[in-house]
């Protein structure tokens, strides 16, 4: 088989005409160029060069091989460029995510991608975790951002890779003038309180039930809401207490509301990115999701 490195030297010889000139272009000595082209001639099993006085020139067979060399080397260059292009992160990347992760992690990642990966185009769909997993498994998105609670452990579905993005504490939101709001809160002191929870059937609702069960009571859930900004304003109006993730503190807590740590029971929320088939685009976005600093909106 003909060596492509020697074919490149042959192509350069056809263009520049002398071993010395080829050596200068390829940063080799003229004797090294001569040796490589002599080896190519033996590999080709036909005469590629002939001497005319003190000069060496290509034979008819040599020129024929030059034409083939152009085709072969152009194909190799195209293959290399194609592989390099394939490794370049480029969109679109369809992301299914819940709201707070979009605000605190995905949007900063998109902003960073504009500089680092300008061909990466992220398409955002706001979905609850179980919905996001469904569309990921159906192939309708490329990456899903979900969360789980330590009180409700869940394994990733088969065929899905899970990547840790962060862990945060669950806090309790209370009116600032509530008697229990002076420090860390024992949930047992709130057994008679009205509560707000996520919609029935959501993991937020189940998490409240389990947390209160560990504290020895069943919560009196009066209101359900899934928007944390709405929940905080409902707390301000005295409609009840609520459990919220720590990230809510960065969304702007209204006057008259305080967020307090919970004693005795550890409750955490872990955020993950889920993927099925890794690509340069999803890998690049994953790197940004892990590395970017979250910002206040």
Protein backbone atom coordinates (compact mmCIF):
# COMPACT_ATOMS: atom_id res chain seq x y z
CA UNK A 1 0.00 0.00 0.00
CA UNK A 2 1.28 3.45 -0.91
CA UNK A 3 2.18 5.63 2.04
CA UNK A 4 0.13 8.88 2.18
CA UNK A 5 3.07 10.78 3.73
CA UNK A 6 5.21 9.91 0.71
CA UNK A 7 2.30 10.78 -1.59
CA UNK A 8 2.30 14.25 -0.01
CA UNK A 9 6.00 14.58 -0.78
CA UNK A 10 5.32 13.52 -4.37
CA UNK A 11 2.60 16.13 -4.69
CA UNK A 12 4.95 18.80 -3.34
CA UNK A 13 7.65 17.70 -5.79
CA UNK A 14 5.19 18.05 -8.67
CA UNK A 15 4.46 21.62 -7.53
CA UNK A 16 7.96 22.81 -6.58
CA UNK A 17 10.18 20.79 -8.92
CA UNK A 18 13.22 20.06 -6.72
CA UNK A 19 14.09 17.94 -3.70
CA UNK A 20 15.54 21.02 -2.01
CA UNK A 21 12.34 23.01 -2.43
CA UNK A 22 10.23 20.12 -1.12
CA UNK A 23 12.55 19.84 1.87
CA UNK A 24 12.13 23.52 2.68
CA UNK A 25 8.34 23.31 2.46
CA UNK A 26 8.14 20.10 4.51
CA UNK A 27 10.97 20.99 6.90
CA UNK A 28 13.11 18.04 5.87
CA UNK A 29 16.57 17.72 4.40
CA UNK A 30 16.74 17.22 0.64
CA UNK A 31 18.43 13.84 1.17
CA UNK A 32 15.53 12.71 3.43
CA UNK A 33 13.04 13.78 0.75
CA UNK A 34 15.04 11.89 -1.87
CA UNK A 35 15.09 8.74 0.25
CA UNK A 36 11.34 8.86 0.89
CA UNK A 37 10.52 9.36 -2.79
CA UNK A 38 12.88 6.53 -3.75
CA UNK A 39 10.98 4.29 -1.34
CA UNK A 40 7.69 5.42 -2.91
CA UNK A 41 9.04 4.46 -6.31
CA UNK A 42 9.86 0.97 -5.05
CA UNK A 43 6.38 0.67 -3.54
CA UNK A 44 4.78 1.78 -6.81
CA UNK A 45 6.89 -0.76 -8.80
CA UNK A 46 7.12 1.63 -11.75
CA UNK A 47 9.65 4.40 -12.50
CA UNK A 48 8.36 7.70 -11.16
CA UNK A 49 11.45 9.85 -11.81
CA UNK A 50 14.00 10.29 -14.52
CA UNK A 51 17.18 12.30 -14.68
CA UNK A 52 17.81 14.97 -17.28
CA UNK A 53 21.32 16.24 -16.72
CA UNK A 54 21.58 17.24 -13.07
CA UNK A 55 17.84 17.58 -12.59
CA UNK A 56 15.20 15.03 -11.69
CA UNK A 57 11.76 15.16 -13.22
CA UNK A 58 8.60 13.08 -13.12
CA UNK A 59 7.95 10.35 -15.64
CA UNK A 60 4.56 9.80 -17.28
CA UNK A 61 3.80 7.23 -14.54
CA UNK A 62 4.94 9.77 -11.97
CA UNK A 63 2.45 12.35 -13.19
CA UNK A 64 -0.30 9.73 -13.23
CA UNK A 65 0.44 8.96 -9.60
CA UNK A 66 0.40 12.67 -8.78
CA UNK A 67 -3.18 12.87 -10.07
CA UNK A 68 -4.13 9.91 -7.88
CA UNK A 69 -2.26 11.48 -4.96
CA UNK A 70 -4.40 14.63 -5.25
CA UNK A 71 -7.56 12.51 -5.07
CA UNK A 72 -6.33 10.37 -2.17
CA UNK A 73 -4.93 13.24 -0.12
CA UNK A 74 -7.97 15.44 -0.69
CA UNK A 75 -10.16 12.58 0.51
CA UNK A 76 -7.99 12.14 3.61
CA UNK A 77 -8.13 15.88 4.31
CA UNK A 78 -11.90 15.84 3.90
CA UNK A 79 -12.20 12.86 6.25
CA UNK A 80 -10.10 14.64 8.88
CA UNK A 81 -12.15 17.82 8.53
CA UNK A 82 -15.38 15.84 8.80
CA UNK A 83 -14.21 14.11 11.97
CA UNK A 84 -13.13 17.43 13.45
CA UNK A 85 -16.47 18.92 12.53
CA UNK A 86 -18.29 15.99 14.12
CA UNK A 87 -16.47 16.65 17.39
CA UNK A 88 -17.52 20.30 17.38
CA UNK A 89 -20.48 20.91 19.70
CA UNK A 90 -23.35 22.07 17.56
CA UNK A 91 -27.09 22.29 18.06
CA UNK A 92 -29.87 21.92 18.32
CA UNK A 93 -29.91 20.36 21.79
CA UNK A 94 -33.42 19.91 23.15
CA UNK A 95 -33.54 20.21 26.95
CA UNK A 96 -36.48 19.33 29.18
CA UNK A 97 -36.09 20.99 32.57
CA UNK A 98 -38.03 22.16 35.61
CA UNK A 99 -38.35 25.90 36.20
CA UNK A 100 -35.82 26.65 38.95
CA UNK A 101 -33.11 24.62 37.20
CA UNK A 102 -33.78 26.58 34.02
CA UNK A 103 -33.36 29.89 35.86
CA UNK A 104 -30.40 29.00 38.04
CA UNK A 105 -28.38 26.59 35.91
CA UNK A 106 -29.53 26.19 32.30
CA UNK A 107 -29.78 29.89 31.39
CA UNK A 108 -26.25 30.63 32.69
CA UNK A 109 -25.01 27.60 30.72
CA UNK A 110 -26.69 28.90 27.57
CA UNK A 111 -25.04 32.30 28.09
CA UNK A 112 -21.63 30.66 28.51
CA UNK A 113 -22.20 28.50 25.42
CA UNK A 114 -22.58 31.58 23.23
CA UNK A 115 -18.89 32.31 23.81
CA UNK A 116 -17.43 28.83 24.16
CA UNK A 117 -19.59 26.93 21.65
CA UNK A 118 -21.23 29.40 19.28
CA UNK A 119 -22.70 26.60 17.13
CA UNK A 120 -24.49 25.07 20.12
CA UNK A 121 -28.19 25.91 19.96
CA UNK A 122 -30.17 24.98 23.07
CA UNK A 123 -33.96 24.57 22.90
CA UNK A 124 -35.71 24.71 26.29
CA UNK A 125 -38.91 22.95 27.29
CA UNK A 126 -40.21 23.42 30.86
CA UNK A 127 -41.47 20.08 32.19
CA UNK A 128 -41.79 18.37 35.54
CA UNK A 129 -39.18 15.65 36.20
CA UNK A 130 -41.33 12.61 35.35
CA UNK A 131 -42.56 14.30 32.17
CA UNK A 132 -38.97 15.16 31.24
CA UNK A 133 -37.88 11.55 31.69
CA UNK A 134 -40.76 10.38 29.48
CA UNK A 135 -39.83 12.68 26.60
CA UNK A 136 -36.15 11.76 26.98
CA UNK A 137 -36.93 8.05 26.71
CA UNK A 138 -39.22 8.73 23.75
CA UNK A 139 -36.39 10.52 21.96
CA UNK A 140 -38.20 13.85 21.97
CA UNK A 141 -35.42 15.61 23.89
CA UNK A 142 -31.65 15.16 24.11
CA UNK A 143 -31.09 16.02 27.78
CA UNK A 144 -33.39 16.19 30.78
CA UNK A 145 -32.77 18.05 34.02
CA UNK A 146 -34.62 16.46 36.92
CA UNK A 147 -34.53 16.26 40.69
CA UNK A 148 -35.05 13.69 43.41
CA UNK A 149 -35.57 14.00 47.17
CA UNK A 150 -33.57 11.98 49.66
CA UNK A 151 -36.88 10.99 51.28
CA UNK A 152 -38.05 9.55 47.93
CA UNK A 153 -35.01 7.80 46.40
CA UNK A 154 -35.28 6.94 42.71
CA UNK A 155 -32.97 5.05 40.37
CA UNK A 156 -32.49 6.29 36.79
CA UNK A 157 -34.57 4.41 34.22
CA UNK A 158 -32.82 1.72 32.12
CA UNK A 159 -30.73 3.05 29.27
CA UNK A 160 -30.36 6.51 30.83
CA UNK A 161 -27.15 7.99 32.26
CA UNK A 162 -27.48 10.29 35.26
CA UNK A 163 -25.03 13.13 35.97
CA UNK A 164 -24.97 14.96 39.31
CA UNK A 165 -25.46 18.72 39.08
CA UNK A 166 -25.97 19.70 42.72
CA UNK A 167 -27.52 19.01 46.12
CA UNK A 168 -29.45 21.57 48.17
CA UNK A 169 -31.29 21.62 51.47
CA UNK A 170 -35.04 21.91 51.81
CA UNK A 171 -36.11 24.89 53.96
CA UNK A 172 -39.37 25.92 55.52
CA UNK A 173 -41.05 29.16 54.48
CA UNK A 174 -42.94 30.99 57.21
CA UNK A 175 -44.40 34.46 57.78
CA UNK A 176 -41.70 36.59 59.43
CA UNK A 177 -43.91 37.17 62.49
CA UNK A 178 -44.65 33.48 63.03
CA UNK A 179 -43.70 32.33 66.57
CA UNK A 180 -41.54 29.50 65.14
CA UNK A 181 -39.66 31.78 62.73
CA UNK A 182 -37.05 33.01 65.21
CA UNK A 183 -34.55 30.21 64.43
CA UNK A 184 -34.26 26.69 63.04
CA UNK A 185 -37.64 24.97 63.01
CA UNK A 186 -38.78 21.66 64.44
CA UNK A 187 -41.61 20.45 62.20
CA UNK A 188 -43.34 18.95 65.20
CA UNK A 189 -44.18 22.50 66.32
CA UNK A 190 -46.21 23.01 63.14
CA UNK A 191 -48.53 20.03 63.32
CA UNK A 192 -51.55 22.33 63.67
CA UNK A 193 -50.52 24.67 60.85
CA UNK A 194 -52.25 24.88 57.47
CA UNK A 195 -49.83 23.80 54.72
CA UNK A 196 -49.19 24.43 51.06
CA UNK A 197 -47.88 21.64 48.87
CA UNK A 198 -47.19 20.88 45.25
CA UNK A 199 -50.02 19.55 43.11
CA UNK A 200 -51.48 16.23 44.16
CA UNK A 201 -49.43 13.37 42.70
CA UNK A 202 -46.18 15.35 42.42
CA UNK A 203 -43.01 14.41 44.30
CA UNK A 204 -43.20 17.82 46.06
CA UNK A 205 -46.52 16.81 47.60
CA UNK A 206 -45.21 13.35 48.53
CA UNK A 207 -42.06 14.87 50.04
CA UNK A 208 -44.15 17.02 52.42
CA UNK A 209 -46.21 13.98 53.45
CA UNK A 210 -43.08 11.95 54.20
CA UNK A 211 -41.31 14.76 56.06
CA UNK A 212 -44.30 15.36 58.28
CA UNK A 213 -44.76 11.63 58.83
CA UNK A 214 -41.19 11.49 60.14
CA UNK A 215 -42.16 14.32 62.51
CA UNK A 216 -45.14 12.30 63.71
CA UNK A 217 -48.13 13.95 62.02
CA UNK A 218 -50.05 14.24 58.75
CA UNK A 219 -49.99 17.76 57.25
CA UNK A 220 -53.23 19.66 56.83
CA UNK A 221 -52.74 20.67 53.18
CA UNK A 222 -55.14 23.49 52.36
CA UNK A 223 -53.59 24.90 49.17
CA UNK A 224 -51.61 23.42 46.27
CA UNK A 225 -49.28 25.40 44.03
CA UNK A 226 -46.25 24.53 41.91
CA UNK A 227 -44.84 28.02 41.32
CA UNK A 228 -42.46 28.95 44.14
CA UNK A 229 -42.90 32.69 43.62
CA UNK A 230 -46.64 32.18 44.15
CA UNK A 231 -46.00 29.94 47.16
CA UNK A 232 -43.87 32.59 48.87
CA UNK A 233 -46.51 35.24 48.36
CA UNK A 234 -49.14 32.90 49.74
CA UNK A 235 -46.95 32.42 52.80
CA UNK A 236 -46.67 36.21 53.16
CA UNK A 237 -50.48 36.41 53.19
CA UNK A 238 -50.59 33.93 56.06
CA UNK A 239 -52.20 31.12 54.04
CA UNK A 240 -49.89 28.47 55.49
CA UNK A 241 -46.38 27.08 55.76
CA UNK A 242 -44.47 25.48 52.88
CA UNK A 243 -41.33 23.46 52.24
CA UNK A 244 -39.16 24.96 49.50
CA UNK A 245 -35.72 24.17 48.05
CA UNK A 246 -32.76 26.32 49.06
CA UNK A 247 -32.48 27.76 45.55
CA UNK A 248 -35.72 29.68 46.18
CA UNK A 249 -33.68 32.06 48.34
CA UNK A 250 -32.00 33.34 45.15
CA UNK A 251 -35.31 34.07 43.44
CA UNK A 252 -36.14 36.99 45.68
CA UNK A 253 -37.92 36.32 48.97
CA UNK A 254 -40.68 38.89 49.53
CA UNK A 255 -40.73 41.07 52.61
CA UNK A 256 -42.60 39.42 55.43
CA UNK A 257 -41.37 35.90 54.59
CA UNK A 258 -38.42 34.03 56.11
CA UNK A 259 -36.75 30.79 55.13
CA UNK A 260 -35.52 28.65 58.00
CA UNK A 261 -33.57 25.40 58.30
CA UNK A 262 -35.33 22.31 59.59
CA UNK A 263 -34.03 20.52 62.67
CA UNK A 264 -33.96 16.77 63.39
CA UNK A 265 -34.88 15.75 59.85
CA UNK A 266 -32.51 16.13 56.90
CA UNK A 267 -34.37 16.84 53.68
CA UNK A 268 -32.39 17.46 50.48
CA UNK A 269 -33.10 17.83 46.79
CA UNK A 270 -30.57 16.53 44.26
CA UNK A 271 -30.53 17.83 40.71
CA UNK A 272 -29.38 15.59 37.87
CA UNK A 273 -28.90 15.82 34.13
CA UNK A 274 -30.07 12.73 32.25
CA UNK A 275 -28.90 11.64 28.81
CA UNK A 276 -29.34 8.61 26.59
CA UNK A 277 -26.80 8.80 23.74
CA UNK A 278 -23.82 11.07 24.42
CA UNK A 279 -22.88 13.49 21.64
CA UNK A 280 -20.34 16.32 21.45
CA UNK A 281 -23.25 18.74 21.90
CA UNK A 282 -24.76 17.09 24.99
CA UNK A 283 -21.30 16.54 26.50
CA UNK A 284 -20.46 20.23 26.02
CA UNK A 285 -23.74 21.32 27.59
CA UNK A 286 -23.23 18.92 30.50
CA UNK A 287 -19.80 20.43 31.15
CA UNK A 288 -21.31 23.90 31.23
CA UNK A 289 -24.19 22.85 33.47
CA UNK A 290 -21.69 21.49 36.00
CA UNK A 291 -19.20 24.34 35.81
CA UNK A 292 -21.21 27.54 35.43
CA UNK A 293 -21.87 29.69 38.46
CA UNK A 294 -25.55 30.18 39.10
CA UNK A 295 -26.67 33.77 39.19
CA UNK A 296 -29.48 35.76 40.70
CA UNK A 297 -32.16 36.59 38.15
